[in-house]
Amino acid sequence: MHVFFLFLPMIISITGLRPKSILHSIPFWFRAIPSFNQAKHAPGNQYCEVKRIQGIQHTLTAWDDMETLRAFVGSGAHLKAVKSFRKIATGSTYHYESDTIPTWEEARRLWEANYREY
């Protein structure tokens, strides 16, 4: 009997966010914390971590597929945060397909090389 392991690729999402000013920090965190909590429990989320690097708040998440990522982005606390985002913060994102979750060093390097402003 042979056992085969099928490693399905995940969608890796790396974001970098920063409040526009110190005055925007409270509204930023008021939206960011519920969004992160939503991501941790979202269907299709395999990994969810946050880290501040060089003054930028980064999230690193892994999703079953692009559909589960889109479902998260367009719902709940995250959708509310997106609607007010441009008023309080700047940010960028990079998504790609992989069968492994990158280290934070790899994630930061990939984000810097490939991010897209929003």
N, C-alpha and C. Protein backbone atom coordinates (compact mmCIF):
# COMPACT_ATOMS: atom_id res chain seq x y z
N MET A 1 0.84 -1.17 0.00
CA MET A 1 0.00 0.00 0.00
C MET A 1 0.89 1.24 0.00
N HIS A 2 0.61 2.16 -0.90
CA HIS A 2 1.36 3.39 -0.99
C HIS A 2 0.52 4.54 -0.44
N VAL A 3 1.20 5.40 0.27
CA VAL A 3 0.53 6.58 0.79
C VAL A 3 1.08 7.78 0.03
N PHE A 4 0.18 8.55 -0.52
CA PHE A 4 0.57 9.73 -1.26
C PHE A 4 0.12 10.97 -0.50
N PHE A 5 1.00 11.91 -0.42
CA PHE A 5 0.65 13.18 0.21
C PHE A 5 0.49 14.21 -0.88
N LEU A 6 -0.61 14.88 -0.84
CA LEU A 6 -0.89 15.92 -1.81
C LEU A 6 -0.77 17.26 -1.09
N PHE A 7 0.22 18.02 -1.49
CA PHE A 7 0.41 19.34 -0.90
C PHE A 7 -0.24 20.36 -1.81
N LEU A 8 -1.36 20.86 -1.37
CA LEU A 8 -2.06 21.86 -2.16
C LEU A 8 -1.49 23.24 -1.84
N PRO A 9 -1.28 24.03 -2.86
CA PRO A 9 -0.75 25.36 -2.59
C PRO A 9 -1.76 26.23 -1.84
N MET A 10 -1.21 27.14 -1.07
CA MET A 10 -2.02 28.10 -0.32
C MET A 10 -1.83 29.46 -0.97
N ILE A 11 -2.69 30.37 -0.61
CA ILE A 11 -2.49 31.77 -0.98
C ILE A 11 -1.87 32.45 0.23
N ILE A 12 -0.70 32.99 0.05
CA ILE A 12 0.00 33.73 1.09
C ILE A 12 -0.31 35.21 0.88
N SER A 13 -0.68 35.88 1.93
CA SER A 13 -0.97 37.31 1.87
C SER A 13 -0.08 38.04 2.87
N ILE A 14 0.64 39.03 2.37
CA ILE A 14 1.50 39.85 3.22
C ILE A 14 1.05 41.29 3.07
N THR A 15 0.70 41.93 4.17
CA THR A 15 0.29 43.33 4.11
C THR A 15 1.23 44.19 4.95
N GLY A 16 1.31 45.44 4.59
CA GLY A 16 2.05 46.43 5.37
C GLY A 16 1.18 47.66 5.54
N LEU A 17 0.90 48.03 6.78
CA LEU A 17 -0.03 49.11 7.07
C LEU A 17 0.60 50.09 8.06
N ARG A 18 0.23 51.36 7.91
CA ARG A 18 0.74 52.38 8.83
C ARG A 18 -0.30 53.49 8.97
N PRO A 19 -0.61 53.88 10.23
CA PRO A 19 -1.50 55.03 10.40
C PRO A 19 -0.87 56.26 9.76
N LYS A 20 -1.69 57.15 9.21
CA LYS A 20 -1.18 58.34 8.54
C LYS A 20 -0.50 59.31 9.51
N SER A 21 -0.95 59.33 10.74
CA SER A 21 -0.34 60.20 11.74
C SER A 21 -0.61 59.62 13.12
N ILE A 22 0.00 60.21 14.12
CA ILE A 22 -0.24 59.77 15.49
C ILE A 22 -1.72 59.92 15.85
N LEU A 23 -2.37 60.94 15.30
CA LEU A 23 -3.79 61.14 15.57
C LEU A 23 -4.66 60.04 14.97
N HIS A 24 -4.15 59.36 13.96
CA HIS A 24 -4.91 58.28 13.32
C HIS A 24 -4.66 56.92 13.98
N SER A 25 -3.75 56.87 14.94
CA SER A 25 -3.40 55.59 15.56
C SER A 25 -4.57 54.92 16.27
N ILE A 26 -5.34 55.68 17.02
CA ILE A 26 -6.45 55.08 17.76
C ILE A 26 -7.50 54.53 16.79
N PRO A 27 -7.96 55.31 15.80
CA PRO A 27 -8.92 54.71 14.86
C PRO A 27 -8.32 53.53 14.08
N PHE A 28 -7.02 53.61 13.80
CA PHE A 28 -6.35 52.50 13.11
C PHE A 28 -6.46 51.22 13.93
N TRP A 29 -6.06 51.26 15.19
CA TRP A 29 -6.09 50.06 16.04
C TRP A 29 -7.52 49.63 16.34
N PHE A 30 -8.42 50.59 16.43
CA PHE A 30 -9.83 50.28 16.65
C PHE A 30 -10.37 49.40 15.53
N ARG A 31 -9.82 49.53 14.33
CA ARG A 31 -10.24 48.71 13.18
C ARG A 31 -9.33 47.50 12.97
N ALA A 32 -8.03 47.66 13.22
CA ALA A 32 -7.06 46.59 12.94
C ALA A 32 -7.25 45.38 13.86
N ILE A 33 -7.46 45.61 15.14
CA ILE A 33 -7.57 44.48 16.07
C ILE A 33 -8.77 43.60 15.76
N PRO A 34 -9.98 44.14 15.58
CA PRO A 34 -11.10 43.27 15.20
C PRO A 34 -10.88 42.57 13.85
N SER A 35 -10.23 43.24 12.91
CA SER A 35 -9.96 42.61 11.60
C SER A 35 -9.02 41.42 11.76
N PHE A 36 -7.98 41.60 12.57
CA PHE A 36 -7.04 40.50 12.80
C PHE A 36 -7.73 39.33 13.52
N ASN A 37 -8.55 39.65 14.51
CA ASN A 37 -9.30 38.58 15.20
C ASN A 37 -10.23 37.85 14.25
N GLN A 38 -10.85 38.58 13.34
CA GLN A 38 -11.71 37.95 12.34
C GLN A 38 -10.88 37.01 11.47
N ALA A 39 -9.71 37.46 11.04
CA ALA A 39 -8.86 36.63 10.17
C ALA A 39 -8.46 35.34 10.87
N LYS A 40 -8.12 35.42 12.15
CA LYS A 40 -7.69 34.22 12.89
C LYS A 40 -8.74 33.12 12.86
N HIS A 41 -10.00 33.52 12.82
CA HIS A 41 -11.10 32.54 12.91
C HIS A 41 -11.85 32.37 11.59
N ALA A 42 -11.37 32.99 10.53
CA ALA A 42 -12.07 32.94 9.25
C ALA A 42 -11.96 31.56 8.60
N PRO A 43 -13.04 31.09 7.98
CA PRO A 43 -12.97 29.83 7.24
C PRO A 43 -11.89 29.92 6.16
N GLY A 44 -11.07 28.89 6.05
CA GLY A 44 -10.03 28.85 5.03
C GLY A 44 -8.71 29.45 5.47
N ASN A 45 -8.66 30.07 6.65
CA ASN A 45 -7.39 30.63 7.12
C ASN A 45 -6.57 29.53 7.77
N GLN A 46 -5.34 29.37 7.30
CA GLN A 46 -4.44 28.35 7.82
C GLN A 46 -3.38 28.91 8.76
N TYR A 47 -3.12 30.20 8.63
CA TYR A 47 -2.05 30.83 9.41
C TYR A 47 -2.33 32.32 9.49
N CYS A 48 -2.06 32.91 10.65
CA CYS A 48 -2.35 34.32 10.83
C CYS A 48 -1.43 34.88 11.91
N GLU A 49 -0.59 35.82 11.51
CA GLU A 49 0.34 36.42 12.45
C GLU A 49 0.54 37.88 12.09
N VAL A 50 0.92 38.67 13.08
CA VAL A 50 1.16 40.10 12.87
C VAL A 50 2.50 40.45 13.49
N LYS A 51 3.20 41.41 12.86
CA LYS A 51 4.50 41.82 13.38
C LYS A 51 4.81 43.24 12.90
N ARG A 52 5.34 44.05 13.78
CA ARG A 52 5.75 45.42 13.44
C ARG A 52 7.22 45.36 13.03
N ILE A 53 7.50 45.84 11.82
CA ILE A 53 8.86 45.86 11.29
C ILE A 53 9.13 47.25 10.74
N GLN A 54 10.13 47.90 11.27
CA GLN A 54 10.54 49.23 10.82
C GLN A 54 9.36 50.21 10.75
N GLY A 55 8.54 50.20 11.78
CA GLY A 55 7.43 51.13 11.87
C GLY A 55 6.20 50.77 11.06
N ILE A 56 6.23 49.65 10.38
CA ILE A 56 5.10 49.21 9.56
C ILE A 56 4.47 47.97 10.19
N GLN A 57 3.16 48.00 10.34
CA GLN A 57 2.43 46.87 10.90
C GLN A 57 2.15 45.87 9.78
N HIS A 58 2.74 44.69 9.88
CA HIS A 58 2.58 43.67 8.84
C HIS A 58 1.67 42.54 9.32
N THR A 59 0.90 42.01 8.39
CA THR A 59 0.19 40.76 8.63
C THR A 59 0.70 39.73 7.64
N LEU A 60 0.77 38.51 8.11
CA LEU A 60 1.17 37.38 7.27
C LEU A 60 0.10 36.31 7.48
N THR A 61 -0.64 36.03 6.42
CA THR A 61 -1.71 35.04 6.50
C THR A 61 -1.58 34.03 5.36
N ALA A 62 -2.12 32.85 5.60
CA ALA A 62 -2.16 31.81 4.58
C ALA A 62 -3.60 31.32 4.47
N TRP A 63 -4.07 31.17 3.23
CA TRP A 63 -5.47 30.84 2.95
C TRP A 63 -5.55 29.61 2.07
N ASP A 64 -6.66 28.87 2.22
CA ASP A 64 -6.87 27.68 1.38
C ASP A 64 -6.80 28.03 -0.09
N ASP A 65 -7.40 29.14 -0.45
CA ASP A 65 -7.45 29.55 -1.85
C ASP A 65 -7.86 31.01 -1.93
N MET A 66 -7.87 31.56 -3.12
CA MET A 66 -8.20 32.97 -3.29
C MET A 66 -9.65 33.24 -2.92
N GLU A 67 -10.54 32.29 -3.09
CA GLU A 67 -11.95 32.50 -2.75
C GLU A 67 -12.12 32.72 -1.25
N THR A 68 -11.41 31.95 -0.41
CA THR A 68 -11.55 32.14 1.03
C THR A 68 -10.93 33.47 1.46
N LEU A 69 -9.84 33.87 0.82
CA LEU A 69 -9.25 35.18 1.11
C LEU A 69 -10.22 36.29 0.73
N ARG A 70 -10.80 36.21 -0.44
CA ARG A 70 -11.77 37.24 -0.88
C ARG A 70 -13.00 37.29 0.03
N ALA A 71 -13.46 36.14 0.47
CA ALA A 71 -14.62 36.11 1.37
C ALA A 71 -14.30 36.84 2.67
N PHE A 72 -13.10 36.64 3.20
CA PHE A 72 -12.68 37.35 4.41
C PHE A 72 -12.59 38.85 4.15
N VAL A 73 -11.92 39.24 3.08
CA VAL A 73 -11.70 40.66 2.78
C VAL A 73 -13.02 41.41 2.65
N GLY A 74 -14.03 40.76 2.10
CA GLY A 74 -15.31 41.43 1.84
C GLY A 74 -16.36 41.23 2.90
N SER A 75 -15.95 40.95 4.14
CA SER A 75 -16.96 40.71 5.17
C SER A 75 -16.53 41.23 6.54
N GLY A 76 -17.50 41.35 7.41
CA GLY A 76 -17.27 41.62 8.83
C GLY A 76 -16.43 42.84 9.14
N ALA A 77 -15.63 42.70 10.20
CA ALA A 77 -14.79 43.80 10.69
C ALA A 77 -13.80 44.25 9.62
N HIS A 78 -13.31 43.32 8.81
CA HIS A 78 -12.34 43.71 7.78
C HIS A 78 -12.99 44.63 6.75
N LEU A 79 -14.19 44.32 6.33
CA LEU A 79 -14.88 45.18 5.36
C LEU A 79 -15.10 46.58 5.95
N LYS A 80 -15.48 46.65 7.22
CA LYS A 80 -15.65 47.96 7.87
C LYS A 80 -14.34 48.73 7.89
N ALA A 81 -13.25 48.04 8.16
CA ALA A 81 -11.94 48.69 8.18
C ALA A 81 -11.56 49.20 6.79
N VAL A 82 -11.82 48.40 5.78
CA VAL A 82 -11.48 48.79 4.40
C VAL A 82 -12.21 50.07 4.00
N LYS A 83 -13.45 50.20 4.41
CA LYS A 83 -14.25 51.36 4.03
C LYS A 83 -13.69 52.68 4.57
N SER A 84 -12.99 52.64 5.69
CA SER A 84 -12.44 53.88 6.25
C SER A 84 -10.92 53.94 6.13
N PHE A 85 -10.33 52.96 5.50
CA PHE A 85 -8.89 52.82 5.46
C PHE A 85 -8.16 54.05 4.91
N ARG A 86 -8.55 54.52 3.75
CA ARG A 86 -7.83 55.62 3.09
C ARG A 86 -7.79 56.91 3.93
N LYS A 87 -8.75 57.06 4.82
CA LYS A 87 -8.78 58.26 5.67
C LYS A 87 -7.76 58.19 6.80
N ILE A 88 -7.42 56.98 7.24
CA ILE A 88 -6.60 56.85 8.45
C ILE A 88 -5.24 56.18 8.25
N ALA A 89 -5.01 55.52 7.12
CA ALA A 89 -3.77 54.74 6.99
C ALA A 89 -3.29 54.66 5.54
N THR A 90 -2.06 54.22 5.40
CA THR A 90 -1.51 53.86 4.10
C THR A 90 -1.20 52.37 4.17
N GLY A 91 -1.21 51.74 3.01
CA GLY A 91 -0.94 50.31 3.04
C GLY A 91 -0.68 49.71 1.69
N SER A 92 -0.19 48.49 1.75
CA SER A 92 0.10 47.75 0.54
C SER A 92 0.00 46.26 0.85
N THR A 93 -0.09 45.49 -0.22
CA THR A 93 -0.26 44.06 -0.06
C THR A 93 0.45 43.30 -1.16
N TYR A 94 0.75 42.05 -0.87
CA TYR A 94 1.30 41.14 -1.87
C TYR A 94 0.72 39.76 -1.59
N HIS A 95 0.13 39.16 -2.62
CA HIS A 95 -0.42 37.79 -2.53
C HIS A 95 0.32 36.91 -3.51
N TYR A 96 0.56 35.68 -3.12
CA TYR A 96 1.16 34.72 -4.04
C TYR A 96 0.81 33.30 -3.59
N GLU A 97 1.01 32.38 -4.48
CA GLU A 97 0.71 30.98 -4.22
C GLU A 97 1.97 30.25 -3.77
N SER A 98 1.83 29.40 -2.75
CA SER A 98 2.98 28.66 -2.24
C SER A 98 2.51 27.43 -1.49
N ASP A 99 3.39 26.47 -1.33
CA ASP A 99 3.04 25.31 -0.50
C ASP A 99 3.71 25.41 0.87
N THR A 100 4.38 26.54 1.15
CA THR A 100 4.98 26.77 2.46
C THR A 100 4.70 28.20 2.92
N ILE A 101 4.70 28.37 4.22
CA ILE A 101 4.53 29.70 4.80
C ILE A 101 5.93 30.29 4.99
N PRO A 102 6.15 31.50 4.52
CA PRO A 102 7.50 32.07 4.62
C PRO A 102 7.83 32.48 6.06
N THR A 103 9.12 32.59 6.34
CA THR A 103 9.54 33.19 7.60
C THR A 103 9.25 34.68 7.51
N TRP A 104 9.33 35.38 8.63
CA TRP A 104 9.11 36.82 8.59
C TRP A 104 10.17 37.51 7.74
N GLU A 105 11.39 37.04 7.79
CA GLU A 105 12.45 37.63 6.96
C GLU A 105 12.13 37.46 5.47
N GLU A 106 11.70 36.26 5.09
CA GLU A 106 11.32 36.02 3.69
C GLU A 106 10.10 36.85 3.31
N ALA A 107 9.12 36.90 4.21
CA ALA A 107 7.88 37.64 3.93
C ALA A 107 8.19 39.12 3.71
N ARG A 108 9.01 39.69 4.55
CA ARG A 108 9.34 41.11 4.41
C ARG A 108 10.07 41.37 3.09
N ARG A 109 11.00 40.49 2.74
CA ARG A 109 11.75 40.63 1.49
C ARG A 109 10.81 40.52 0.28
N LEU A 110 9.90 39.55 0.29
CA LEU A 110 8.94 39.38 -0.80
C LEU A 110 8.01 40.59 -0.89
N TRP A 111 7.53 41.07 0.24
CA TRP A 111 6.64 42.22 0.26
C TRP A 111 7.34 43.45 -0.31
N GLU A 112 8.57 43.71 0.12
CA GLU A 112 9.29 44.87 -0.37
C GLU A 112 9.51 44.82 -1.88
N ALA A 113 9.74 43.63 -2.41
CA ALA A 113 10.02 43.48 -3.84
C ALA A 113 8.77 43.49 -4.70
N ASN A 114 7.61 43.20 -4.12
CA ASN A 114 6.42 42.96 -4.95
C ASN A 114 5.15 43.68 -4.55
N TYR A 115 5.15 44.45 -3.49
CA TYR A 115 3.89 44.97 -2.98
C TYR A 115 3.20 45.90 -3.96
N ARG A 116 1.88 46.00 -3.74
CA ARG A 116 1.01 46.87 -4.52
C ARG A 116 0.28 47.79 -3.54
N GLU A 117 0.40 49.09 -3.77
CA GLU A 117 -0.26 50.07 -2.90
C GLU A 117 -1.79 49.99 -3.10
N TYR A 118 -2.51 50.25 -2.02
CA TYR A 118 -3.96 50.38 -2.12
C TYR A 118 -4.44 51.50 -1.24
